[in-house]
C-alpha atoms as a PDB file:
ATOM      1  CA  UNK A   1      47.132 171.638 133.019  1.00  0.00           C
ATOM      2  CA  UNK A   2      50.113 173.216 131.312  1.00  0.00           C
ATOM      3  CA  UNK A   3      52.181 172.657 134.456  1.00  0.00           C
ATOM      4  CA  UNK A   4      51.375 168.941 134.259  1.00  0.00           C
ATOM      5  CA  UNK A   5      52.510 168.770 130.625  1.00  0.00           C
ATOM      6  CA  UNK A   6      55.757 170.587 131.357  1.00  0.00           C
ATOM      7  CA  UNK A   7      56.356 168.375 134.373  1.00  0.00           C
ATOM      8  CA  UNK A   8      55.868 165.322 132.142  1.00  0.00           C
ATOM      9  CA  UNK A   9      58.368 166.682 129.592  1.00  0.00           C
ATOM     10  CA  UNK A  10      60.881 167.395 132.358  1.00  0.00           C
ATOM     11  CA  UNK A  11      60.477 163.871 133.743  1.00  0.00           C
ATOM     12  CA  UNK A  12      60.782 162.224 130.320  1.00  0.00           C
ATOM     13  CA  UNK A  13      63.953 164.147 129.461  1.00  0.00           C
ATOM     14  CA  UNK A  14      65.551 163.532 132.856  1.00  0.00           C
ATOM     15  CA  UNK A  15      64.758 159.851 133.178  1.00  0.00           C
ATOM     16  CA  UNK A  16      64.979 159.018 129.470  1.00  0.00           C
ATOM     17  CA  UNK A  17      68.491 160.321 128.964  1.00  0.00           C
ATOM     18  CA  UNK A  18      69.460 159.079 132.426  1.00  0.00           C
ATOM     19  CA  UNK A  19      68.311 155.564 131.481  1.00  0.00           C
ATOM     20  CA  UNK A  20      70.449 155.592 128.336  1.00  0.00           C
ATOM     21  CA  UNK A  21      73.479 156.759 130.322  1.00  0.00           C
ATOM     22  CA  UNK A  22      72.871 154.039 132.926  1.00  0.00           C
ATOM     23  CA  UNK A  23      72.552 151.423 130.171  1.00  0.00           C
ATOM     24  CA  UNK A  24      75.890 152.567 128.748  1.00  0.00           C
ATOM     25  CA  UNK A  25      77.518 152.321 132.178  1.00  0.00           C
ATOM     26  CA  UNK A  26      76.192 148.796 132.736  1.00  0.00           C
ATOM     27  CA  UNK A  27      77.354 147.784 129.270  1.00  0.00           C
ATOM     28  CA  UNK A  28      80.842 149.150 129.962  1.00  0.00           C
ATOM     29  CA  UNK A  29      81.061 147.216 133.230  1.00  0.00           C
ATOM     30  CA  UNK A  30      79.783 144.066 131.495  1.00  0.00           C
ATOM     31  CA  UNK A  31      82.526 144.394 128.881  1.00  0.00           C
ATOM     32  CA  UNK A  32      85.153 144.593 131.626  1.00  0.00           C
ATOM     33  CA  UNK A  33      83.949 141.230 132.943  1.00  0.00           C
ATOM     34  CA  UNK A  34      83.910 139.782 129.401  1.00  0.00           C
ATOM     35  CA  UNK A  35      80.132 139.416 129.342  1.00  0.00           C
ATOM     36  CA  UNK A  36      79.319 139.631 125.644  1.00  0.00           C
ATOM     37  CA  UNK A  37      76.143 139.706 123.555  1.00  0.00           C
ATOM     38  CA  UNK A  38      75.416 136.009 124.001  1.00  0.00           C
ATOM     39  CA  UNK A  39      73.479 137.091 127.065  1.00  0.00           C
ATOM     40  CA  UNK A  40      70.043 138.544 126.338  1.00  0.00           C
ATOM     41  CA  UNK A  41      70.453 141.372 128.847  1.00  0.00           C
ATOM     42  CA  UNK A  42      73.647 142.623 127.202  1.00  0.00           C
ATOM     43  CA  UNK A  43      71.974 142.325 123.763  1.00  0.00           C
ATOM     44  CA  UNK A  44      69.098 144.426 125.111  1.00  0.00           C
ATOM     45  CA  UNK A  45      71.561 147.058 126.364  1.00  0.00           C
ATOM     46  CA  UNK A  46      73.298 147.020 122.983  1.00  0.00           C
ATOM     47  CA  UNK A  47      69.987 147.697 121.219  1.00  0.00           C
ATOM     48  CA  UNK A  48      69.453 150.698 123.488  1.00  0.00           C
ATOM     49  CA  UNK A  49      72.963 152.169 123.349  1.00  0.00           C
ATOM     50  CA  UNK A  50      74.208 151.331 119.838  1.00  0.00           C
ATOM     51  CA  UNK A  51      72.148 154.053 118.090  1.00  0.00           C
ATOM     52  CA  UNK A  52      74.051 156.599 120.184  1.00  0.00           C
ATOM     53  CA  UNK A  53      77.512 155.015 120.137  1.00  0.00           C
ATOM     54  CA  UNK A  54      77.811 153.771 116.536  1.00  0.00           C
ATOM     55  CA  UNK A  55      77.616 157.222 114.881  1.00  0.00           C
ATOM     56  CA  UNK A  56      80.333 158.522 117.206  1.00  0.00           C
ATOM     57  CA  UNK A  57      82.521 155.525 116.428  1.00  0.00           C
ATOM     58  CA  UNK A  58      81.917 155.949 112.706  1.00  0.00           C
ATOM     59  CA  UNK A  59      82.271 159.736 112.456  1.00  0.00           C
ATOM     60  CA  UNK A  60      84.858 160.560 115.106  1.00  0.00           C
ATOM     61  CA  UNK A  61      87.020 157.443 114.732  1.00  0.00           C
ATOM     62  CA  UNK A  62      88.134 157.703 118.321  1.00  0.00           C
ATOM     63  CA  UNK A  63      90.894 155.194 119.065  1.00  0.00           C
ATOM     64  CA  UNK A  64      90.859 152.892 122.061  1.00  0.00           C
ATOM     65  CA  UNK A  65      93.291 153.770 124.814  1.00  0.00           C
ATOM     66  CA  UNK A  66      94.708 150.743 126.621  1.00  0.00           C
ATOM     67  CA  UNK A  67      91.693 148.692 125.566  1.00  0.00           C
ATOM     68  CA  UNK A  68      89.145 151.273 126.719  1.00  0.00           C
ATOM     69  CA  UNK A  69      86.650 152.498 124.109  1.00  0.00           C
ATOM     70  CA  UNK A  70      86.552 156.283 124.526  1.00  0.00           C
ATOM     71  CA  UNK A  71      83.472 156.691 122.328  1.00  0.00           C
ATOM     72  CA  UNK A  72      81.343 155.857 125.392  1.00  0.00           C
ATOM     73  CA  UNK A  73      82.879 158.822 127.194  1.00  0.00           C
ATOM     74  CA  UNK A  74      82.166 161.140 124.252  1.00  0.00           C
ATOM     75  CA  UNK A  75      78.544 159.953 124.031  1.00  0.00           C
ATOM     76  CA  UNK A  76      78.162 160.318 127.797  1.00  0.00           C
ATOM     77  CA  UNK A  77      79.347 163.926 127.564  1.00  0.00           C
ATOM     78  CA  UNK A  78      77.069 164.679 124.586  1.00  0.00           C
ATOM     79  CA  UNK A  79      73.997 163.134 126.237  1.00  0.00           C
ATOM     80  CA  UNK A  80      74.614 164.982 129.493  1.00  0.00           C
ATOM     81  CA  UNK A  81      75.037 168.251 127.598  1.00  0.00           C
ATOM     82  CA  UNK A  82      71.851 167.592 125.615  1.00  0.00           C
ATOM     83  CA  UNK A  83      69.972 166.810 128.830  1.00  0.00           C
ATOM     84  CA  UNK A  84      71.115 170.043 130.461  1.00  0.00           C
ATOM     85  CA  UNK A  85      70.240 172.121 127.403  1.00  0.00           C
ATOM     86  CA  UNK A  86      66.784 170.566 127.086  1.00  0.00           C
ATOM     87  CA  UNK A  87      66.028 171.058 130.763  1.00  0.00           C
ATOM     88  CA  UNK A  88      67.192 174.673 130.645  1.00  0.00           C
ATOM     89  CA  UNK A  89      64.929 175.298 127.645  1.00  0.00           C
ATOM     90  CA  UNK A  90      61.870 174.565 129.767  1.00  0.00           C
ATOM     91  CA  UNK A  91      60.042 177.553 131.283  1.00  0.00           C
ATOM     92  CA  UNK A  92      61.445 179.197 134.397  1.00  0.00           C
ATOM     93  CA  UNK A  93      58.463 178.149 136.543  1.00  0.00           C
ATOM     94  CA  UNK A  94      60.268 174.966 137.534  1.00  0.00           C
END
């Protein structure tokens, strides 16, 4: 029973953070093609990713380089690091 609970936690961490990273990647690609928040899908992605990106934009004040918003890269790195740390904190029986 405990194995099932730990497996569920592992799956939620892996796929949950992976889904946020994928949503950020899709949003970045949509911005390259000038697809803005008039489209419901991009608005949905913004609702998922903005809670992660806005604090980095506000606190770090990372400038854009040649029109590329680097705060996405910082959030990507932080989320990947968080995912690795959370997965390593699970018991060694994995």
